[in-house]
């Protein structure tokens, strides 16, 4: 079964998530990736990855990913949040992170934790070969 990973980033974190995806591009090529609109476009364009794009976060993309998560169709979430900038869709963001907790889905909200999750995923995928 292929790992399905959601990649999301606020505007001030988009460069970070594109760089992160580049660091783990070989691992991510072995996964199904979903992402919110602009984040998905930037990751796909930068690294040639196939990304299923949802709406942008403020237009419901976070909720779309949350719905898939609740249906058991998301295995992990990397959501690089900008804690210093108010977000108009904060309730949607909180709902997605809460859904990760409810459904016991790994959720990284910063680069350090994202690298830890992706390191473990890389190790597991390497052992499957």
N, C-alpha and C. Protein backbone atom coordinates (compact mmCIF):
# COMPACT_ATOMS: atom_id res chain seq x y z
N UNK A 1 0.84 -1.19 0.00
CA UNK A 1 0.00 0.00 0.00
C UNK A 1 0.88 1.25 0.00
N UNK A 2 0.54 2.19 -0.81
CA UNK A 2 1.31 3.43 -0.93
C UNK A 2 0.95 4.39 0.18
N UNK A 3 1.96 5.03 0.75
CA UNK A 3 1.75 6.04 1.77
C UNK A 3 1.18 7.29 1.13
N UNK A 4 0.14 7.82 1.74
CA UNK A 4 -0.51 9.04 1.24
C UNK A 4 -0.20 10.17 2.21
N UNK A 5 0.48 11.18 1.72
CA UNK A 5 0.95 12.27 2.57
C UNK A 5 0.37 13.59 2.09
N UNK A 6 -0.09 14.40 3.05
CA UNK A 6 -0.62 15.73 2.74
C UNK A 6 0.45 16.76 3.05
N UNK A 7 0.69 17.66 2.11
CA UNK A 7 1.65 18.74 2.26
C UNK A 7 0.92 20.07 2.16
N UNK A 8 1.06 20.88 3.20
CA UNK A 8 0.35 22.15 3.30
C UNK A 8 1.32 23.18 3.87
N UNK A 9 1.23 24.42 3.41
CA UNK A 9 2.09 25.46 3.97
C UNK A 9 1.40 26.82 3.84
N UNK A 10 1.50 27.59 4.89
CA UNK A 10 1.05 28.98 4.82
C UNK A 10 1.97 29.77 3.90
N UNK A 11 1.53 30.94 3.48
CA UNK A 11 2.27 31.73 2.49
C UNK A 11 3.74 31.94 2.86
N UNK A 12 4.01 32.31 4.11
CA UNK A 12 5.39 32.59 4.53
C UNK A 12 6.21 31.32 4.72
N UNK A 13 5.62 30.16 4.55
CA UNK A 13 6.31 28.88 4.72
C UNK A 13 6.40 28.08 3.42
N UNK A 14 5.90 28.64 2.32
CA UNK A 14 5.89 27.90 1.06
C UNK A 14 7.30 27.61 0.56
N UNK A 15 8.21 28.56 0.67
CA UNK A 15 9.59 28.31 0.25
C UNK A 15 10.18 27.16 1.07
N UNK A 16 9.86 27.12 2.36
CA UNK A 16 10.38 26.07 3.24
C UNK A 16 9.87 24.69 2.83
N UNK A 17 8.59 24.59 2.50
CA UNK A 17 8.06 23.27 2.16
C UNK A 17 8.56 22.81 0.79
N UNK A 18 8.78 23.74 -0.13
CA UNK A 18 9.36 23.37 -1.43
C UNK A 18 10.78 22.85 -1.22
N UNK A 19 11.54 23.53 -0.38
CA UNK A 19 12.91 23.08 -0.08
C UNK A 19 12.89 21.72 0.60
N UNK A 20 12.00 21.54 1.57
CA UNK A 20 11.87 20.27 2.27
C UNK A 20 11.53 19.14 1.29
N UNK A 21 10.61 19.39 0.40
CA UNK A 21 10.24 18.38 -0.60
C UNK A 21 11.45 18.02 -1.45
N UNK A 22 12.28 18.98 -1.76
CA UNK A 22 13.49 18.71 -2.53
C UNK A 22 14.46 17.82 -1.78
N UNK A 23 14.54 17.99 -0.46
CA UNK A 23 15.43 17.17 0.36
C UNK A 23 14.97 15.71 0.39
N UNK A 24 13.68 15.49 0.25
CA UNK A 24 13.10 14.14 0.36
C UNK A 24 12.43 13.71 -0.94
N UNK A 25 12.86 14.25 -2.05
CA UNK A 25 12.17 13.99 -3.32
C UNK A 25 12.14 12.50 -3.66
N UNK A 26 13.20 11.75 -3.38
CA UNK A 26 13.19 10.32 -3.69
C UNK A 26 12.15 9.56 -2.86
N UNK A 27 12.02 9.95 -1.61
CA UNK A 27 11.00 9.35 -0.74
C UNK A 27 9.61 9.74 -1.22
N UNK A 28 9.41 11.02 -1.50
CA UNK A 28 8.09 11.50 -1.91
C UNK A 28 7.65 10.90 -3.24
N UNK A 29 8.59 10.56 -4.12
CA UNK A 29 8.23 9.92 -5.39
C UNK A 29 7.55 8.57 -5.17
N UNK A 30 7.79 7.97 -4.02
CA UNK A 30 7.21 6.67 -3.71
C UNK A 30 5.88 6.79 -2.96
N UNK A 31 5.40 8.01 -2.79
CA UNK A 31 4.17 8.28 -2.05
C UNK A 31 3.12 8.89 -2.97
N UNK A 32 1.88 8.83 -2.52
CA UNK A 32 0.82 9.63 -3.14
C UNK A 32 0.78 10.93 -2.36
N UNK A 33 0.86 12.04 -3.06
CA UNK A 33 0.92 13.35 -2.41
C UNK A 33 -0.35 14.12 -2.72
N UNK A 34 -0.94 14.67 -1.68
CA UNK A 34 -2.01 15.64 -1.86
C UNK A 34 -1.54 16.93 -1.20
N UNK A 35 -2.05 18.03 -1.69
CA UNK A 35 -1.62 19.33 -1.16
C UNK A 35 -2.69 20.36 -1.45
N UNK A 36 -2.63 21.44 -0.69
CA UNK A 36 -3.49 22.57 -1.01
C UNK A 36 -2.95 23.23 -2.28
N UNK A 37 -3.78 24.04 -2.92
CA UNK A 37 -3.54 24.55 -4.26
C UNK A 37 -2.17 25.06 -4.63
N UNK A 38 -1.79 26.21 -4.11
CA UNK A 38 -0.52 26.81 -4.49
C UNK A 38 0.66 25.98 -4.02
N UNK A 39 0.57 25.44 -2.82
CA UNK A 39 1.64 24.59 -2.31
C UNK A 39 1.87 23.41 -3.25
N UNK A 40 0.81 22.76 -3.66
CA UNK A 40 0.93 21.62 -4.57
C UNK A 40 1.53 22.00 -5.91
N UNK A 41 1.12 23.12 -6.45
CA UNK A 41 1.67 23.58 -7.72
C UNK A 41 3.16 23.84 -7.59
N UNK A 42 3.56 24.54 -6.55
CA UNK A 42 4.98 24.87 -6.37
C UNK A 42 5.84 23.63 -6.18
N UNK A 43 5.36 22.67 -5.39
CA UNK A 43 6.13 21.44 -5.16
C UNK A 43 6.23 20.63 -6.46
N UNK A 44 5.11 20.50 -7.15
CA UNK A 44 5.11 19.75 -8.41
C UNK A 44 6.03 20.38 -9.44
N UNK A 45 5.94 21.69 -9.60
CA UNK A 45 6.77 22.39 -10.59
C UNK A 45 8.25 22.32 -10.24
N UNK A 46 8.58 22.46 -8.97
CA UNK A 46 9.98 22.50 -8.55
C UNK A 46 10.67 21.14 -8.65
N UNK A 47 9.92 20.06 -8.41
CA UNK A 47 10.56 18.76 -8.27
C UNK A 47 10.01 17.68 -9.20
N UNK A 48 9.07 18.03 -10.06
CA UNK A 48 8.52 17.05 -10.99
C UNK A 48 7.71 15.97 -10.31
N UNK A 49 7.20 16.26 -9.13
CA UNK A 49 6.37 15.30 -8.40
C UNK A 49 4.92 15.41 -8.85
N UNK A 50 4.23 14.30 -8.85
CA UNK A 50 2.80 14.29 -9.12
C UNK A 50 2.09 14.62 -7.82
N UNK A 51 1.29 15.67 -7.84
CA UNK A 51 0.61 16.14 -6.65
C UNK A 51 -0.87 16.32 -6.97
N UNK A 52 -1.71 15.68 -6.18
CA UNK A 52 -3.15 15.90 -6.29
C UNK A 52 -3.46 17.18 -5.53
N UNK A 53 -3.94 18.17 -6.26
CA UNK A 53 -4.16 19.49 -5.65
C UNK A 53 -5.61 19.67 -5.22
N UNK A 54 -5.77 20.14 -4.00
CA UNK A 54 -7.06 20.54 -3.47
C UNK A 54 -7.22 22.04 -3.71
N UNK A 55 -8.27 22.61 -3.19
CA UNK A 55 -8.42 24.06 -3.21
C UNK A 55 -7.34 24.69 -2.34
N UNK A 56 -7.16 25.99 -2.45
CA UNK A 56 -6.24 26.65 -1.53
C UNK A 56 -6.85 26.58 -0.12
N UNK A 57 -6.00 26.71 0.89
CA UNK A 57 -6.47 26.61 2.27
C UNK A 57 -7.64 27.53 2.60
N UNK A 58 -7.51 28.83 2.30
CA UNK A 58 -8.60 29.74 2.63
C UNK A 58 -9.90 29.45 1.88
N UNK A 59 -9.81 28.69 0.80
CA UNK A 59 -11.01 28.37 0.02
C UNK A 59 -11.53 26.96 0.29
N UNK A 60 -11.02 26.32 1.34
CA UNK A 60 -11.55 25.02 1.74
C UNK A 60 -10.61 23.84 1.57
N UNK A 61 -9.39 24.08 1.10
CA UNK A 61 -8.45 22.99 0.88
C UNK A 61 -8.09 22.23 2.16
N UNK A 62 -7.94 22.96 3.26
CA UNK A 62 -7.66 22.30 4.54
C UNK A 62 -8.80 21.37 4.92
N UNK A 63 -10.03 21.81 4.68
CA UNK A 63 -11.19 20.99 4.99
C UNK A 63 -11.28 19.77 4.07
N UNK A 64 -10.91 19.94 2.80
CA UNK A 64 -10.92 18.80 1.88
C UNK A 64 -9.93 17.73 2.34
N UNK A 65 -8.75 18.17 2.76
CA UNK A 65 -7.76 17.22 3.25
C UNK A 65 -8.25 16.59 4.55
N UNK A 66 -8.85 17.38 5.41
CA UNK A 66 -9.39 16.86 6.66
C UNK A 66 -10.46 15.80 6.42
N UNK A 67 -11.28 16.00 5.42
CA UNK A 67 -12.33 15.01 5.09
C UNK A 67 -11.69 13.71 4.64
N UNK A 68 -10.66 13.78 3.80
CA UNK A 68 -9.98 12.56 3.36
C UNK A 68 -9.30 11.87 4.54
N UNK A 69 -8.74 12.65 5.42
CA UNK A 69 -8.10 12.11 6.62
C UNK A 69 -9.12 11.34 7.46
N UNK A 70 -10.29 11.94 7.66
CA UNK A 70 -11.33 11.30 8.46
C UNK A 70 -11.83 10.00 7.81
N UNK A 71 -11.73 9.91 6.49
CA UNK A 71 -12.12 8.70 5.77
C UNK A 71 -11.01 7.65 5.72
N UNK A 72 -9.88 7.94 6.36
CA UNK A 72 -8.76 7.00 6.38
C UNK A 72 -7.90 7.03 5.14
N UNK A 73 -7.95 8.12 4.38
CA UNK A 73 -7.22 8.20 3.11
C UNK A 73 -5.97 9.08 3.18
N UNK A 74 -5.55 9.46 4.40
CA UNK A 74 -4.32 10.23 4.59
C UNK A 74 -3.53 9.56 5.70
N UNK A 75 -2.25 9.28 5.44
CA UNK A 75 -1.41 8.59 6.41
C UNK A 75 -0.56 9.53 7.26
N UNK A 76 -0.26 10.72 6.74
CA UNK A 76 0.51 11.70 7.51
C UNK A 76 0.30 13.08 6.91
N UNK A 77 0.51 14.09 7.75
CA UNK A 77 0.30 15.48 7.35
C UNK A 77 1.54 16.28 7.72
N UNK A 78 2.01 17.05 6.76
CA UNK A 78 3.03 18.06 7.05
C UNK A 78 2.37 19.39 6.72
N UNK A 79 2.18 20.17 7.76
CA UNK A 79 1.48 21.45 7.65
C UNK A 79 2.38 22.52 8.26
N UNK A 80 3.19 23.16 7.42
CA UNK A 80 4.08 24.20 7.91
C UNK A 80 3.27 25.47 8.11
N UNK A 81 2.97 25.72 9.38
CA UNK A 81 2.13 26.85 9.75
C UNK A 81 2.98 28.07 10.07
N UNK A 82 2.42 29.22 9.85
CA UNK A 82 3.05 30.49 10.21
C UNK A 82 2.37 30.99 11.47
N UNK A 83 2.97 30.74 12.63
CA UNK A 83 2.31 31.11 13.89
C UNK A 83 2.28 32.61 14.16
N UNK A 84 3.01 33.39 13.38
CA UNK A 84 3.11 34.82 13.62
C UNK A 84 2.14 35.66 12.78
N UNK A 85 1.46 35.02 11.85
CA UNK A 85 0.54 35.74 10.97
C UNK A 85 -0.87 35.21 11.17
N UNK A 86 -1.82 36.08 11.52
CA UNK A 86 -3.21 35.61 11.67
C UNK A 86 -3.73 35.06 10.34
N UNK A 87 -4.48 33.97 10.41
CA UNK A 87 -5.03 33.34 9.22
C UNK A 87 -6.55 33.47 9.25
N UNK A 88 -7.15 33.92 8.16
CA UNK A 88 -8.61 34.08 8.15
C UNK A 88 -9.36 32.76 8.28
N UNK A 89 -8.71 31.66 7.95
CA UNK A 89 -9.36 30.35 8.01
C UNK A 89 -8.82 29.52 9.19
N UNK A 90 -8.48 30.20 10.27
CA UNK A 90 -7.94 29.53 11.47
C UNK A 90 -8.82 28.39 11.97
N UNK A 91 -10.15 28.52 11.96
CA UNK A 91 -10.98 27.39 12.40
C UNK A 91 -10.76 26.13 11.54
N UNK A 92 -10.55 26.31 10.24
CA UNK A 92 -10.30 25.15 9.37
C UNK A 92 -8.96 24.50 9.72
N UNK A 93 -7.97 25.32 10.00
CA UNK A 93 -6.64 24.83 10.37
C UNK A 93 -6.72 24.03 11.66
N UNK A 94 -7.40 24.59 12.64
CA UNK A 94 -7.55 23.90 13.92
C UNK A 94 -8.31 22.58 13.75
N UNK A 95 -9.31 22.59 12.89
CA UNK A 95 -10.08 21.36 12.65
C UNK A 95 -9.20 20.28 12.03
N UNK A 96 -8.34 20.65 11.10
CA UNK A 96 -7.45 19.66 10.47
C UNK A 96 -6.47 19.08 11.49
N UNK A 97 -5.84 19.94 12.28
CA UNK A 97 -4.90 19.45 13.29
C UNK A 97 -5.62 18.59 14.33
N UNK A 98 -6.81 18.98 14.71
CA UNK A 98 -7.61 18.19 15.65
C UNK A 98 -7.96 16.83 15.05
N UNK A 99 -8.30 16.80 13.77
CA UNK A 99 -8.61 15.53 13.10
C UNK A 99 -7.39 14.61 13.12
N UNK A 100 -6.20 15.16 12.97
CA UNK A 100 -4.98 14.34 13.07
C UNK A 100 -4.90 13.70 14.45
N UNK A 101 -5.20 14.47 15.48
CA UNK A 101 -5.16 13.92 16.84
C UNK A 101 -6.24 12.86 17.04
N UNK A 102 -7.43 13.13 16.58
CA UNK A 102 -8.55 12.19 16.75
C UNK A 102 -8.26 10.86 16.05
N UNK A 103 -7.67 10.93 14.85
CA UNK A 103 -7.46 9.73 14.04
C UNK A 103 -6.03 9.18 14.14
N UNK A 104 -5.25 9.74 15.08
CA UNK A 104 -3.89 9.26 15.35
C UNK A 104 -3.01 9.29 14.10
N UNK A 105 -3.05 10.42 13.40
CA UNK A 105 -2.26 10.62 12.18
C UNK A 105 -1.07 11.52 12.52
N UNK A 106 0.15 11.10 12.17
CA UNK A 106 1.30 11.97 12.42
C UNK A 106 1.12 13.31 11.72
N UNK A 107 1.40 14.39 12.46
CA UNK A 107 1.21 15.74 11.93
C UNK A 107 2.38 16.60 12.36
N UNK A 108 3.14 17.08 11.39
CA UNK A 108 4.26 17.98 11.67
C UNK A 108 3.84 19.39 11.30
N UNK A 109 4.10 20.32 12.21
CA UNK A 109 3.75 21.71 11.93
C UNK A 109 4.98 22.61 11.85
N UNK A 110 6.17 22.00 11.90
CA UNK A 110 7.40 22.76 11.73
C UNK A 110 8.43 21.88 11.01
N UNK A 111 9.49 22.50 10.54
CA UNK A 111 10.50 21.81 9.73
C UNK A 111 11.16 20.67 10.51
N UNK A 112 11.50 20.89 11.76
CA UNK A 112 12.20 19.85 12.53
C UNK A 112 11.37 18.58 12.65
N UNK A 113 10.12 18.72 12.99
CA UNK A 113 9.24 17.56 13.12
C UNK A 113 8.96 16.94 11.76
N UNK A 114 8.83 17.77 10.74
CA UNK A 114 8.62 17.24 9.39
C UNK A 114 9.80 16.37 8.97
N UNK A 115 11.01 16.81 9.25
CA UNK A 115 12.19 16.00 8.90
C UNK A 115 12.19 14.68 9.67
N UNK A 116 11.80 14.71 10.91
CA UNK A 116 11.75 13.47 11.69
C UNK A 116 10.77 12.48 11.07
N UNK A 117 9.59 12.95 10.73
CA UNK A 117 8.57 12.09 10.12
C UNK A 117 9.07 11.55 8.78
N UNK A 118 9.64 12.42 7.98
CA UNK A 118 10.11 11.99 6.66
C UNK A 118 11.33 11.07 6.77
N UNK A 119 12.16 11.26 7.79
CA UNK A 119 13.29 10.34 8.01
C UNK A 119 12.78 8.93 8.32
N UNK A 120 11.78 8.83 9.18
CA UNK A 120 11.21 7.53 9.52
C UNK A 120 10.55 6.91 8.29
N UNK A 121 9.82 7.71 7.53
CA UNK A 121 9.19 7.21 6.31
C UNK A 121 10.25 6.70 5.33
N UNK A 122 11.32 7.46 5.16
CA UNK A 122 12.41 7.04 4.27
C UNK A 122 12.98 5.70 4.71
N UNK A 123 13.23 5.56 6.00
CA UNK A 123 13.77 4.31 6.54
C UNK A 123 12.81 3.15 6.27
N UNK A 124 11.54 3.36 6.53
CA UNK A 124 10.55 2.29 6.30
C UNK A 124 10.45 1.90 4.84
N UNK A 125 10.47 2.88 3.96
CA UNK A 125 10.39 2.58 2.53
C UNK A 125 11.64 1.86 2.05
N UNK A 126 12.79 2.21 2.60
CA UNK A 126 14.04 1.56 2.24
C UNK A 126 14.03 0.10 2.67
N UNK A 127 13.44 -0.18 3.82
CA UNK A 127 13.40 -1.56 4.34
C UNK A 127 12.42 -2.42 3.54
N UNK A 128 11.50 -1.82 2.81
CA UNK A 128 10.52 -2.57 2.03
C UNK A 128 11.08 -3.07 0.70
N UNK A 129 12.22 -2.57 0.31
CA UNK A 129 12.79 -2.93 -1.00
C UNK A 129 13.21 -4.37 -1.05
